[in-house]
Amino acid sequence: MNSAFWRRVVGAFTILILAFLSSCTDTLERSEVVYDNDFSNLDLAGFENGKLFIFQNDTIAGFYHNEEVSVQLENLPSHNMLKVTTEILIHDSWDGNPEDGVSGPDYWFFGLDNTEIFRTTFSNSPCESTFCLYQSYPNSYFRQNRPKDGAIQTNLPGLCLFGAFSNYTTRYRIEEIIPHSNNSVKIFWNSELRQEENPNPACDESWSLARVTVEAFVVN
């Protein structure tokens, strides 16, 4: 068989592969922002355990230490996916991944309804060649990344224990797209922070919500 024959065979096979791949590609048919709150309007409608305070001249929701905060959204438009974007502030001495049960791991997680979607760790620790407390973010736990990897802002002072020091509050933007079709949803956030030797653990490690955005998608 000559080379022309094989070229036709390869060409036909390539067309079949491309057709298969294109048939498996999801198409975003509609998107709608159904919730967007940066808390500047003091709006905590739908929140459970919502509380507000001022940090660096901005109104944010927090601060939290090993306690769940959630928001209930009703009357969502028809959809089959939700995109949840959370901007969080990680305050003070988060230690990331140590598994000693005393100083870590320092988990943060969120979910929809009764299902946890994403769990990770954060570290505000200085990282030197001889000592580094790694975090999992921007991956889920357990991955080893350098402190503050994936952050969108790192130059903020701490909130409480390290309030007089710069670089002890770190801002992150976390985006997840989740299958969902009900006309209501409960979004929750929480942490499991460890600092067994500190008499005031909430002052040593805490977190806040700076913005929450929810988009409803129709994907086919």
N, C-alpha and C. Protein backbone atom coordinates (compact mmCIF):
# COMPACT_ATOMS: atom_id res chain seq x y z
N MET A 1 0.85 -1.20 0.00
CA MET A 1 0.00 0.00 0.00
C MET A 1 0.87 1.24 0.00
N ASN A 2 0.48 2.23 -0.81
CA ASN A 2 1.34 3.39 -0.98
C ASN A 2 1.10 4.42 0.10
N SER A 3 1.96 5.46 0.10
CA SER A 3 1.89 6.49 1.15
C SER A 3 0.61 7.30 1.05
N ALA A 4 0.07 7.47 -0.15
CA ALA A 4 -1.17 8.23 -0.30
C ALA A 4 -2.31 7.55 0.45
N PHE A 5 -2.36 6.22 0.40
CA PHE A 5 -3.38 5.48 1.12
C PHE A 5 -3.29 5.75 2.61
N TRP A 6 -2.06 5.66 3.16
CA TRP A 6 -1.89 5.86 4.60
C TRP A 6 -2.21 7.30 5.00
N ARG A 7 -1.92 8.26 4.12
CA ARG A 7 -2.27 9.65 4.43
C ARG A 7 -3.78 9.80 4.55
N ARG A 8 -4.53 9.10 3.65
CA ARG A 8 -5.99 9.16 3.72
C ARG A 8 -6.50 8.52 4.99
N VAL A 9 -5.87 7.39 5.38
CA VAL A 9 -6.27 6.71 6.62
C VAL A 9 -6.03 7.60 7.83
N VAL A 10 -4.83 8.21 7.90
CA VAL A 10 -4.50 9.08 9.02
C VAL A 10 -5.42 10.29 9.05
N GLY A 11 -5.71 10.86 7.86
CA GLY A 11 -6.60 12.01 7.79
C GLY A 11 -7.99 11.69 8.29
N ALA A 12 -8.53 10.54 7.88
CA ALA A 12 -9.86 10.14 8.31
C ALA A 12 -9.88 9.89 9.82
N PHE A 13 -8.82 9.25 10.33
CA PHE A 13 -8.75 8.98 11.76
C PHE A 13 -8.68 10.29 12.56
N THR A 14 -7.94 11.26 12.06
CA THR A 14 -7.84 12.57 12.74
C THR A 14 -9.19 13.26 12.78
N ILE A 15 -9.94 13.19 11.67
CA ILE A 15 -11.28 13.81 11.63
C ILE A 15 -12.19 13.16 12.65
N LEU A 16 -12.11 11.83 12.78
CA LEU A 16 -12.95 11.14 13.75
C LEU A 16 -12.61 11.56 15.17
N ILE A 17 -11.31 11.71 15.48
CA ILE A 17 -10.89 12.12 16.82
C ILE A 17 -11.40 13.52 17.12
N LEU A 18 -11.23 14.44 16.16
CA LEU A 18 -11.68 15.82 16.37
C LEU A 18 -13.19 15.89 16.56
N ALA A 19 -13.92 15.09 15.80
CA ALA A 19 -15.37 15.07 15.95
C ALA A 19 -15.77 14.54 17.32
N PHE A 20 -15.05 13.51 17.79
CA PHE A 20 -15.34 12.97 19.12
C PHE A 20 -15.06 13.99 20.20
N LEU A 21 -13.90 14.67 20.11
CA LEU A 21 -13.55 15.66 21.12
C LEU A 21 -14.54 16.82 21.13
N SER A 22 -14.94 17.27 19.96
CA SER A 22 -15.87 18.40 19.91
C SER A 22 -17.23 18.01 20.48
N SER A 23 -17.62 16.74 20.30
CA SER A 23 -18.90 16.30 20.84
C SER A 23 -18.88 16.21 22.35
N CYS A 24 -17.66 16.13 22.96
CA CYS A 24 -17.54 16.02 24.40
C CYS A 24 -17.29 17.36 25.07
N THR A 25 -17.22 18.44 24.31
CA THR A 25 -16.94 19.75 24.87
C THR A 25 -18.21 20.40 25.37
N ASP A 26 -18.19 20.81 26.65
CA ASP A 26 -19.34 21.50 27.22
C ASP A 26 -19.43 22.92 26.68
N THR A 27 -20.65 23.38 26.48
CA THR A 27 -20.90 24.73 25.99
C THR A 27 -21.67 25.51 27.04
N LEU A 28 -21.15 26.69 27.39
CA LEU A 28 -21.84 27.57 28.33
C LEU A 28 -22.93 28.31 27.57
N GLU A 29 -24.18 27.99 27.86
CA GLU A 29 -25.29 28.60 27.14
C GLU A 29 -25.82 29.85 27.83
N ARG A 30 -25.73 29.89 29.15
CA ARG A 30 -26.24 31.06 29.87
C ARG A 30 -25.54 31.19 31.20
N SER A 31 -25.24 32.41 31.60
CA SER A 31 -24.69 32.67 32.93
C SER A 31 -25.37 33.89 33.53
N GLU A 32 -25.55 33.87 34.83
CA GLU A 32 -26.21 34.98 35.51
C GLU A 32 -25.63 35.11 36.91
N VAL A 33 -25.22 36.32 37.26
CA VAL A 33 -24.78 36.57 38.63
C VAL A 33 -26.02 36.64 39.51
N VAL A 34 -26.10 35.73 40.47
CA VAL A 34 -27.28 35.67 41.33
C VAL A 34 -27.01 36.22 42.73
N TYR A 35 -25.73 36.44 43.04
CA TYR A 35 -25.38 36.99 44.35
C TYR A 35 -24.00 37.61 44.26
N ASP A 36 -23.85 38.82 44.79
CA ASP A 36 -22.55 39.48 44.82
C ASP A 36 -22.54 40.42 46.01
N ASN A 37 -21.66 40.16 46.96
CA ASN A 37 -21.67 40.92 48.21
C ASN A 37 -20.24 41.17 48.66
N ASP A 38 -19.84 42.45 48.70
CA ASP A 38 -18.55 42.81 49.29
C ASP A 38 -18.72 43.42 50.67
N PHE A 39 -19.94 43.37 51.19
CA PHE A 39 -20.31 43.78 52.55
C PHE A 39 -20.20 45.28 52.80
N SER A 40 -19.93 46.06 51.75
CA SER A 40 -19.81 47.50 51.92
C SER A 40 -21.16 48.14 52.24
N ASN A 41 -22.27 47.46 51.88
CA ASN A 41 -23.60 47.97 52.20
C ASN A 41 -24.16 47.40 53.50
N LEU A 42 -23.29 46.73 54.26
CA LEU A 42 -23.67 46.15 55.55
C LEU A 42 -24.79 45.13 55.40
N ASP A 43 -24.78 44.42 54.29
CA ASP A 43 -25.84 43.49 53.95
C ASP A 43 -25.47 42.08 54.40
N LEU A 44 -26.21 41.57 55.37
CA LEU A 44 -26.02 40.19 55.83
C LEU A 44 -27.31 39.38 55.68
N ALA A 45 -28.17 39.79 54.74
CA ALA A 45 -29.42 39.07 54.50
C ALA A 45 -29.11 37.63 54.08
N GLY A 46 -29.77 36.68 54.70
CA GLY A 46 -29.58 35.28 54.39
C GLY A 46 -28.43 34.62 55.13
N PHE A 47 -27.66 35.41 55.89
CA PHE A 47 -26.50 34.85 56.58
C PHE A 47 -26.88 34.25 57.93
N GLU A 48 -26.23 33.17 58.26
CA GLU A 48 -26.27 32.61 59.60
C GLU A 48 -24.87 32.77 60.20
N ASN A 49 -24.80 33.34 61.39
CA ASN A 49 -23.54 33.67 62.06
C ASN A 49 -22.78 34.76 61.31
N GLY A 50 -23.51 35.60 60.61
CA GLY A 50 -22.86 36.72 59.94
C GLY A 50 -22.55 37.84 60.91
N LYS A 51 -21.39 38.44 60.77
CA LYS A 51 -21.01 39.59 61.59
C LYS A 51 -20.03 40.44 60.79
N LEU A 52 -20.03 41.73 61.08
CA LEU A 52 -19.26 42.68 60.28
C LEU A 52 -18.26 43.41 61.16
N PHE A 53 -17.13 43.78 60.56
CA PHE A 53 -16.19 44.67 61.23
C PHE A 53 -15.35 45.38 60.16
N ILE A 54 -14.61 46.38 60.59
CA ILE A 54 -13.79 47.18 59.69
C ILE A 54 -12.35 46.71 59.76
N PHE A 55 -11.78 46.44 58.60
CA PHE A 55 -10.36 46.07 58.51
C PHE A 55 -9.75 46.84 57.35
N GLN A 56 -8.71 47.63 57.65
CA GLN A 56 -8.04 48.43 56.63
C GLN A 56 -9.04 49.29 55.84
N ASN A 57 -9.96 49.90 56.58
CA ASN A 57 -10.98 50.81 56.02
C ASN A 57 -12.02 50.12 55.15
N ASP A 58 -12.05 48.80 55.15
CA ASP A 58 -13.06 48.05 54.40
C ASP A 58 -13.96 47.30 55.38
N THR A 59 -15.25 47.24 55.06
CA THR A 59 -16.18 46.42 55.84
C THR A 59 -16.14 45.00 55.31
N ILE A 60 -15.86 44.05 56.20
CA ILE A 60 -15.80 42.64 55.81
C ILE A 60 -16.59 41.82 56.83
N ALA A 61 -16.80 40.56 56.50
CA ALA A 61 -17.54 39.66 57.39
C ALA A 61 -16.54 38.82 58.18
N GLY A 62 -16.63 38.88 59.47
CA GLY A 62 -15.71 38.12 60.30
C GLY A 62 -15.57 38.79 61.66
N PHE A 63 -14.49 38.46 62.38
CA PHE A 63 -13.56 37.42 62.00
C PHE A 63 -13.98 36.11 62.64
N TYR A 64 -13.52 34.99 62.07
CA TYR A 64 -13.99 33.67 62.47
C TYR A 64 -12.82 32.77 62.88
N HIS A 65 -13.12 31.88 63.81
CA HIS A 65 -12.14 30.89 64.27
C HIS A 65 -12.91 29.61 64.62
N ASN A 66 -12.78 28.61 63.75
CA ASN A 66 -13.43 27.31 63.98
C ASN A 66 -14.92 27.45 64.26
N GLU A 67 -15.59 28.23 63.42
CA GLU A 67 -17.03 28.40 63.53
C GLU A 67 -17.59 28.59 62.12
N GLU A 68 -18.73 27.97 61.87
CA GLU A 68 -19.31 28.01 60.53
C GLU A 68 -20.07 29.30 60.31
N VAL A 69 -19.91 29.85 59.12
CA VAL A 69 -20.74 30.95 58.65
C VAL A 69 -21.34 30.48 57.33
N SER A 70 -22.59 30.87 57.06
CA SER A 70 -23.24 30.40 55.84
C SER A 70 -24.20 31.45 55.32
N VAL A 71 -24.55 31.32 54.04
CA VAL A 71 -25.56 32.16 53.44
C VAL A 71 -26.53 31.27 52.68
N GLN A 72 -27.82 31.54 52.82
CA GLN A 72 -28.88 30.80 52.13
C GLN A 72 -29.40 31.65 50.99
N LEU A 73 -29.36 31.11 49.77
CA LEU A 73 -29.86 31.81 48.59
C LEU A 73 -31.10 31.08 48.07
N GLU A 74 -32.14 31.85 47.78
CA GLU A 74 -33.41 31.28 47.34
C GLU A 74 -33.75 31.79 45.93
N ASN A 75 -34.70 31.08 45.30
CA ASN A 75 -35.27 31.49 44.01
C ASN A 75 -34.20 31.66 42.93
N LEU A 76 -33.30 30.69 42.86
CA LEU A 76 -32.27 30.72 41.83
C LEU A 76 -32.91 30.45 40.47
N PRO A 77 -32.37 31.05 39.40
CA PRO A 77 -32.88 30.74 38.07
C PRO A 77 -32.51 29.32 37.66
N SER A 78 -33.12 28.84 36.61
CA SER A 78 -32.79 27.51 36.11
C SER A 78 -31.30 27.42 35.79
N HIS A 79 -30.66 26.33 36.24
CA HIS A 79 -29.22 26.19 36.06
C HIS A 79 -28.84 24.74 36.29
N ASN A 80 -27.64 24.37 35.88
CA ASN A 80 -27.11 23.05 36.24
C ASN A 80 -25.71 23.11 36.82
N MET A 81 -25.15 24.32 36.95
CA MET A 81 -23.86 24.52 37.60
C MET A 81 -23.90 25.84 38.36
N LEU A 82 -23.15 25.90 39.46
CA LEU A 82 -22.93 27.14 40.17
C LEU A 82 -21.43 27.42 40.24
N LYS A 83 -21.08 28.66 40.00
CA LYS A 83 -19.71 29.10 40.23
C LYS A 83 -19.69 29.95 41.48
N VAL A 84 -18.94 29.51 42.48
CA VAL A 84 -18.83 30.23 43.74
C VAL A 84 -17.43 30.82 43.84
N THR A 85 -17.37 32.14 43.98
CA THR A 85 -16.10 32.84 44.14
C THR A 85 -16.07 33.46 45.53
N THR A 86 -15.07 33.07 46.30
CA THR A 86 -14.93 33.57 47.67
C THR A 86 -13.59 34.28 47.80
N GLU A 87 -13.62 35.52 48.26
CA GLU A 87 -12.39 36.21 48.62
C GLU A 87 -12.28 36.20 50.13
N ILE A 88 -11.21 35.61 50.63
CA ILE A 88 -11.03 35.48 52.07
C ILE A 88 -9.75 36.17 52.50
N LEU A 89 -9.74 36.58 53.76
CA LEU A 89 -8.56 37.15 54.39
C LEU A 89 -8.09 36.18 55.47
N ILE A 90 -6.84 35.78 55.38
CA ILE A 90 -6.24 34.85 56.34
C ILE A 90 -5.38 35.68 57.29
N HIS A 91 -5.81 35.73 58.56
CA HIS A 91 -5.19 36.64 59.52
C HIS A 91 -4.21 35.91 60.45
N ASP A 92 -3.09 36.55 60.67
CA ASP A 92 -2.12 36.22 61.72
C ASP A 92 -1.38 34.91 61.45
N SER A 93 -1.19 34.03 62.44
CA SER A 93 -0.09 33.06 62.37
C SER A 93 -0.51 31.67 61.87
N TRP A 94 -1.23 31.61 60.76
CA TRP A 94 -1.58 30.30 60.20
C TRP A 94 -0.29 29.54 59.87
N ASP A 95 -0.30 28.23 60.18
CA ASP A 95 0.92 27.43 60.08
C ASP A 95 0.91 26.40 58.96
N GLY A 96 -0.17 26.34 58.19
CA GLY A 96 -0.16 25.45 57.04
C GLY A 96 -0.30 23.99 57.38
N ASN A 97 0.69 23.19 56.95
CA ASN A 97 0.56 21.74 56.91
C ASN A 97 1.15 20.93 58.05
N PRO A 98 1.79 21.49 59.07
CA PRO A 98 2.39 20.62 60.09
C PRO A 98 1.34 19.68 60.70
N GLU A 99 1.71 18.44 60.86
CA GLU A 99 0.77 17.42 61.34
C GLU A 99 1.06 17.02 62.78
N ASP A 100 1.56 17.97 63.57
CA ASP A 100 1.89 17.64 64.95
C ASP A 100 0.68 17.66 65.87
N GLY A 101 -0.48 18.15 65.35
CA GLY A 101 -1.67 18.21 66.18
C GLY A 101 -1.66 19.33 67.19
N VAL A 102 -0.59 20.13 67.20
CA VAL A 102 -0.48 21.25 68.13
C VAL A 102 -0.58 22.56 67.38
N SER A 103 0.24 22.73 66.35
CA SER A 103 0.23 23.96 65.56
C SER A 103 -0.42 23.78 64.19
N GLY A 104 -0.85 22.58 63.87
CA GLY A 104 -1.45 22.35 62.57
C GLY A 104 -1.86 20.89 62.40
N PRO A 105 -2.41 20.57 61.25
CA PRO A 105 -2.65 21.45 60.09
C PRO A 105 -3.73 22.50 60.37
N ASP A 106 -3.60 23.63 59.67
CA ASP A 106 -4.58 24.71 59.75
C ASP A 106 -5.47 24.67 58.52
N TYR A 107 -6.65 24.02 58.66
CA TYR A 107 -7.56 23.81 57.54
C TYR A 107 -8.54 24.98 57.39
N TRP A 108 -8.88 25.23 56.13
CA TRP A 108 -10.03 26.07 55.79
C TRP A 108 -10.81 25.33 54.72
N PHE A 109 -12.15 25.38 54.79
CA PHE A 109 -12.94 24.63 53.81
C PHE A 109 -14.27 25.31 53.57
N PHE A 110 -14.90 24.95 52.45
CA PHE A 110 -16.26 25.44 52.18
C PHE A 110 -17.03 24.37 51.43
N GLY A 111 -18.37 24.57 51.38
CA GLY A 111 -19.20 23.59 50.70
C GLY A 111 -20.57 24.14 50.38
N LEU A 112 -21.36 23.29 49.72
CA LEU A 112 -22.75 23.61 49.37
C LEU A 112 -23.66 22.62 50.07
N ASP A 113 -24.75 23.17 50.65
CA ASP A 113 -25.72 22.35 51.35
C ASP A 113 -24.99 21.48 52.39
N ASN A 114 -25.01 20.19 52.29
CA ASN A 114 -24.33 19.36 53.29
C ASN A 114 -23.06 18.72 52.77
N THR A 115 -22.53 19.23 51.66
CA THR A 115 -21.38 18.60 51.02
C THR A 115 -20.18 19.53 51.01
N GLU A 116 -19.08 19.07 51.59
CA GLU A 116 -17.84 19.82 51.52
C GLU A 116 -17.28 19.76 50.10
N ILE A 117 -16.88 20.91 49.56
CA ILE A 117 -16.41 20.99 48.18
C ILE A 117 -14.90 21.12 48.10
N PHE A 118 -14.32 21.93 48.98
CA PHE A 118 -12.89 22.23 48.86
C PHE A 118 -12.29 22.41 50.24
N ARG A 119 -11.20 21.71 50.51
CA ARG A 119 -10.48 21.81 51.79
C ARG A 119 -9.00 22.04 51.49
N THR A 120 -8.43 23.02 52.18
CA THR A 120 -7.04 23.34 51.94
C THR A 120 -6.42 23.86 53.23
N THR A 121 -5.14 24.24 53.18
CA THR A 121 -4.47 24.87 54.31
C THR A 121 -3.78 26.13 53.82
N PHE A 122 -3.55 27.06 54.77
CA PHE A 122 -2.85 28.30 54.48
C PHE A 122 -1.73 28.50 55.49
N SER A 123 -0.70 29.22 55.06
CA SER A 123 0.42 29.54 55.93
C SER A 123 0.80 31.00 55.76
N ASN A 124 0.89 31.72 56.86
CA ASN A 124 1.43 33.08 56.86
C ASN A 124 2.86 33.13 57.38
N SER A 125 3.47 31.96 57.49
CA SER A 125 4.80 31.87 58.06
C SER A 125 5.86 32.36 57.08
N PRO A 126 6.89 33.07 57.57
CA PRO A 126 8.06 33.32 56.71
C PRO A 126 8.65 32.00 56.25
N CYS A 127 9.19 31.99 55.06
CA CYS A 127 9.73 30.76 54.47
C CYS A 127 11.20 30.96 54.13
N GLU A 128 12.06 30.27 54.85
CA GLU A 128 13.51 30.35 54.63
C GLU A 128 14.02 29.01 54.13
N SER A 129 15.25 28.99 53.69
CA SER A 129 15.83 27.76 53.15
C SER A 129 15.94 26.68 54.22
N THR A 130 16.09 27.09 55.49
CA THR A 130 16.27 26.12 56.57
C THR A 130 14.98 25.81 57.31
N PHE A 131 13.93 26.61 57.07
CA PHE A 131 12.67 26.39 57.79
C PHE A 131 11.53 26.99 56.99
N CYS A 132 10.51 26.19 56.72
CA CYS A 132 9.37 26.68 55.96
C CYS A 132 8.15 25.86 56.34
N LEU A 133 7.08 26.56 56.73
CA LEU A 133 5.81 25.90 57.00
C LEU A 133 4.95 26.00 55.75
N TYR A 134 4.88 24.93 54.99
CA TYR A 134 4.23 24.92 53.69
C TYR A 134 2.71 24.88 53.84
N GLN A 135 2.02 25.34 52.79
CA GLN A 135 0.57 25.28 52.72
C GLN A 135 0.15 24.44 51.52
N SER A 136 -1.12 24.05 51.49
CA SER A 136 -1.63 23.29 50.35
C SER A 136 -2.18 24.18 49.24
N TYR A 137 -2.80 25.32 49.60
CA TYR A 137 -3.36 26.19 48.58
C TYR A 137 -2.26 26.65 47.62
N PRO A 138 -2.54 26.74 46.30
CA PRO A 138 -3.85 26.73 45.64
C PRO A 138 -4.43 25.34 45.34
N ASN A 139 -3.80 24.30 45.84
CA ASN A 139 -4.34 22.95 45.70
C ASN A 139 -5.13 22.58 46.94
N SER A 140 -5.84 21.47 46.85
CA SER A 140 -6.51 20.95 48.04
C SER A 140 -5.48 20.23 48.91
N TYR A 141 -5.85 19.99 50.16
CA TYR A 141 -4.98 19.30 51.10
C TYR A 141 -4.82 17.84 50.66
N PHE A 142 -3.68 17.15 50.60
CA PHE A 142 -2.42 17.57 51.14
C PHE A 142 -1.42 17.79 49.99
N ARG A 143 -1.20 19.03 49.64
CA ARG A 143 -0.12 19.38 48.71
C ARG A 143 0.82 20.32 49.42
N GLN A 144 2.08 20.35 48.99
CA GLN A 144 3.08 21.18 49.63
C GLN A 144 3.44 22.35 48.71
N ASN A 145 2.91 23.53 49.02
CA ASN A 145 3.24 24.76 48.30
C ASN A 145 3.80 25.78 49.28
N ARG A 146 4.52 26.74 48.75
CA ARG A 146 5.12 27.75 49.60
C ARG A 146 4.04 28.64 50.22
N PRO A 147 4.30 29.20 51.41
CA PRO A 147 3.35 30.12 52.02
C PRO A 147 2.95 31.24 51.07
N LYS A 148 1.66 31.54 51.04
CA LYS A 148 1.07 32.63 50.28
C LYS A 148 1.02 32.37 48.78
N ASP A 149 1.36 31.16 48.32
CA ASP A 149 1.18 30.83 46.91
C ASP A 149 -0.28 31.06 46.50
N GLY A 150 -0.49 31.70 45.36
CA GLY A 150 -1.83 31.92 44.84
C GLY A 150 -2.54 33.10 45.44
N ALA A 151 -1.89 33.87 46.31
CA ALA A 151 -2.53 35.01 46.95
C ALA A 151 -2.73 36.15 45.96
N ILE A 152 -3.76 36.98 46.19
CA ILE A 152 -3.95 38.17 45.37
C ILE A 152 -3.50 39.43 46.11
N GLN A 153 -3.20 39.32 47.42
CA GLN A 153 -2.64 40.44 48.16
C GLN A 153 -1.93 39.89 49.39
N THR A 154 -0.72 40.38 49.66
CA THR A 154 0.09 39.82 50.74
C THR A 154 0.63 40.87 51.71
N ASN A 155 0.43 42.13 51.43
CA ASN A 155 1.12 43.18 52.19
C ASN A 155 0.27 43.79 53.29
N LEU A 156 -0.71 43.06 53.78
CA LEU A 156 -1.62 43.59 54.80
C LEU A 156 -1.12 43.24 56.20
N PRO A 157 -1.40 44.10 57.18
CA PRO A 157 -1.00 43.78 58.55
C PRO A 157 -1.87 42.68 59.13
N GLY A 158 -1.38 42.07 60.20
CA GLY A 158 -2.18 41.10 60.91
C GLY A 158 -3.39 41.77 61.55
N LEU A 159 -4.28 40.94 62.08
CA LEU A 159 -5.51 41.46 62.67
C LEU A 159 -5.39 41.63 64.18
N CYS A 160 -4.79 40.67 64.85
CA CYS A 160 -4.82 40.66 66.31
C CYS A 160 -3.42 40.44 66.87
N LEU A 161 -2.97 39.21 66.97
CA LEU A 161 -1.67 38.93 67.56
C LEU A 161 -0.54 39.61 66.79
N PHE A 162 -0.68 39.67 65.46
CA PHE A 162 0.35 40.29 64.63
C PHE A 162 -0.17 41.58 63.99
N GLY A 163 -1.06 42.27 64.71
CA GLY A 163 -1.66 43.48 64.17
C GLY A 163 -0.69 44.60 63.89
N ALA A 164 0.46 44.57 64.53
CA ALA A 164 1.46 45.63 64.32
C ALA A 164 2.47 45.27 63.24
N PHE A 165 2.31 44.11 62.60
CA PHE A 165 3.30 43.64 61.63
C PHE A 165 2.66 43.48 60.26
N SER A 166 3.39 43.91 59.22
CA SER A 166 2.91 43.75 57.85
C SER A 166 3.04 42.29 57.41
N ASN A 167 2.33 41.97 56.34
CA ASN A 167 2.39 40.64 55.72
C ASN A 167 1.82 39.52 56.59
N TYR A 168 0.97 39.85 57.55
CA TYR A 168 0.34 38.82 58.36
C TYR A 168 -1.17 38.72 58.15
N THR A 169 -1.66 39.39 57.10
CA THR A 169 -2.98 39.06 56.55
C THR A 169 -2.80 38.87 55.05
N THR A 170 -3.33 37.77 54.53
CA THR A 170 -3.17 37.42 53.12
C THR A 170 -4.55 37.24 52.50
N ARG A 171 -4.72 37.81 51.32
CA ARG A 171 -6.02 37.74 50.62
C ARG A 171 -5.93 36.74 49.47
N TYR A 172 -6.96 35.90 49.38
CA TYR A 172 -7.05 34.89 48.33
C TYR A 172 -8.41 34.97 47.65
N ARG A 173 -8.44 34.59 46.38
CA ARG A 173 -9.69 34.45 45.64
C ARG A 173 -9.83 32.98 45.24
N ILE A 174 -10.86 32.34 45.73
CA ILE A 174 -11.07 30.91 45.50
C ILE A 174 -12.31 30.73 44.64
N GLU A 175 -12.17 30.06 43.51
CA GLU A 175 -13.26 29.86 42.55
C GLU A 175 -13.49 28.38 42.34
N GLU A 176 -14.72 27.96 42.46
CA GLU A 176 -15.09 26.57 42.20
C GLU A 176 -16.39 26.54 41.41
N ILE A 177 -16.45 25.66 40.40
CA ILE A 177 -17.66 25.42 39.63
C ILE A 177 -18.20 24.05 40.03
N ILE A 178 -19.46 24.03 40.48
CA ILE A 178 -20.01 22.84 41.12
C ILE A 178 -21.34 22.47 40.44
N PRO A 179 -21.54 21.21 40.10
CA PRO A 179 -22.85 20.79 39.60
C PRO A 179 -23.94 21.08 40.64
N HIS A 180 -25.02 21.69 40.18
CA HIS A 180 -26.10 22.06 41.10
C HIS A 180 -27.31 22.45 40.27
N SER A 181 -28.50 22.07 40.69
CA SER A 181 -29.71 22.40 39.92
C SER A 181 -30.90 22.81 40.77
N ASN A 182 -30.81 22.73 42.09
CA ASN A 182 -31.94 23.12 42.93
C ASN A 182 -32.16 24.63 42.87
N ASN A 183 -33.36 25.06 43.24
CA ASN A 183 -33.67 26.50 43.18
C ASN A 183 -33.24 27.24 44.45
N SER A 184 -32.59 26.54 45.37
CA SER A 184 -32.02 27.19 46.55
C SER A 184 -30.70 26.50 46.88
N VAL A 185 -29.85 27.21 47.64
CA VAL A 185 -28.56 26.65 48.02
C VAL A 185 -28.09 27.29 49.32
N LYS A 186 -27.46 26.51 50.14
CA LYS A 186 -26.77 27.01 51.32
C LYS A 186 -25.28 26.86 51.08
N ILE A 187 -24.54 27.96 51.14
CA ILE A 187 -23.09 27.96 50.99
C ILE A 187 -22.49 28.17 52.38
N PHE A 188 -21.58 27.30 52.77
CA PHE A 188 -20.99 27.43 54.10
C PHE A 188 -19.46 27.46 54.03
N TRP A 189 -18.88 28.13 55.02
CA TRP A 189 -17.43 28.24 55.15
C TRP A 189 -17.06 27.93 56.60
N ASN A 190 -15.87 27.35 56.80
CA ASN A 190 -15.48 27.00 58.17
C ASN A 190 -13.97 26.74 58.19
N SER A 191 -13.46 26.52 59.38
CA SER A 191 -12.03 26.22 59.53
C SER A 191 -11.84 25.23 60.67
N GLU A 192 -10.69 24.56 60.64
CA GLU A 192 -10.23 23.73 61.74
C GLU A 192 -8.81 24.16 62.03
N LEU A 193 -8.67 25.11 62.95
CA LEU A 193 -7.37 25.71 63.26
C LEU A 193 -6.85 25.15 64.58
N ARG A 194 -5.53 24.93 64.62
CA ARG A 194 -4.92 24.35 65.82
C ARG A 194 -3.83 25.28 66.32
N GLN A 195 -3.94 25.64 67.57
CA GLN A 195 -2.87 26.35 68.27
C GLN A 195 -3.06 26.06 69.75
N GLU A 196 -2.69 24.83 70.10
CA GLU A 196 -3.04 24.29 71.41
C GLU A 196 -2.36 25.03 72.55
N GLU A 197 -1.23 25.66 72.29
CA GLU A 197 -0.46 26.28 73.37
C GLU A 197 -0.77 27.76 73.54
N ASN A 198 -1.77 28.28 72.83
CA ASN A 198 -2.09 29.70 72.91
C ASN A 198 -3.36 29.89 73.73
N PRO A 199 -3.34 30.74 74.76
CA PRO A 199 -4.54 30.93 75.58
C PRO A 199 -5.67 31.66 74.86
N ASN A 200 -5.36 32.35 73.75
CA ASN A 200 -6.38 33.06 72.98
C ASN A 200 -6.24 32.68 71.51
N PRO A 201 -6.66 31.47 71.14
CA PRO A 201 -6.42 30.99 69.77
C PRO A 201 -7.08 31.84 68.69
N ALA A 202 -8.25 32.46 68.98
CA ALA A 202 -8.91 33.28 67.97
C ALA A 202 -8.11 34.53 67.63
N CYS A 203 -7.30 34.99 68.57
CA CYS A 203 -6.44 36.14 68.30
C CYS A 203 -5.19 35.72 67.55
N ASP A 204 -4.85 34.45 67.63
CA ASP A 204 -3.65 33.95 66.98
C ASP A 204 -3.90 33.57 65.52
N GLU A 205 -5.07 33.01 65.22
CA GLU A 205 -5.40 32.57 63.86
C GLU A 205 -6.88 32.79 63.61
N SER A 206 -7.20 33.52 62.55
CA SER A 206 -8.61 33.74 62.20
C SER A 206 -8.71 34.03 60.71
N TRP A 207 -9.94 34.19 60.23
CA TRP A 207 -10.17 34.46 58.81
C TRP A 207 -11.45 35.27 58.67
N SER A 208 -11.58 35.93 57.52
CA SER A 208 -12.75 36.76 57.24
C SER A 208 -13.15 36.61 55.78
N LEU A 209 -14.40 36.93 55.50
CA LEU A 209 -14.91 36.98 54.13
C LEU A 209 -14.85 38.42 53.64
N ALA A 210 -14.19 38.63 52.51
CA ALA A 210 -14.12 39.96 51.92
C ALA A 210 -15.11 40.14 50.78
N ARG A 211 -15.45 39.06 50.10
CA ARG A 211 -16.43 39.14 49.01
C ARG A 211 -16.91 37.74 48.67
N VAL A 212 -18.19 37.64 48.33
CA VAL A 212 -18.79 36.38 47.87
C VAL A 212 -19.59 36.66 46.61
N THR A 213 -19.31 35.92 45.55
CA THR A 213 -20.04 36.04 44.29
C THR A 213 -20.50 34.66 43.85
N VAL A 214 -21.76 34.57 43.44
CA VAL A 214 -22.32 33.30 42.96
C VAL A 214 -22.93 33.53 41.59
N GLU A 215 -22.54 32.68 40.64
CA GLU A 215 -23.07 32.73 39.27
C GLU A 215 -23.77 31.42 38.95
N ALA A 216 -24.93 31.51 38.33
CA ALA A 216 -25.67 30.35 37.88
C ALA A 216 -25.38 30.12 36.40
N PHE A 217 -24.99 28.89 36.05
CA PHE A 217 -24.63 28.53 34.68
C PHE A 217 -25.63 27.50 34.14
N VAL A 218 -25.88 27.61 32.86
CA VAL A 218 -26.50 26.51 32.11
C VAL A 218 -25.45 26.03 31.12
N VAL A 219 -25.02 24.78 31.33
CA VAL A 219 -23.94 24.19 30.52
C VAL A 219 -24.47 22.93 29.87
N ASN A 220 -24.28 22.82 28.56
CA ASN A 220 -24.69 21.63 27.82
C ASN A 220 -23.55 21.12 26.94
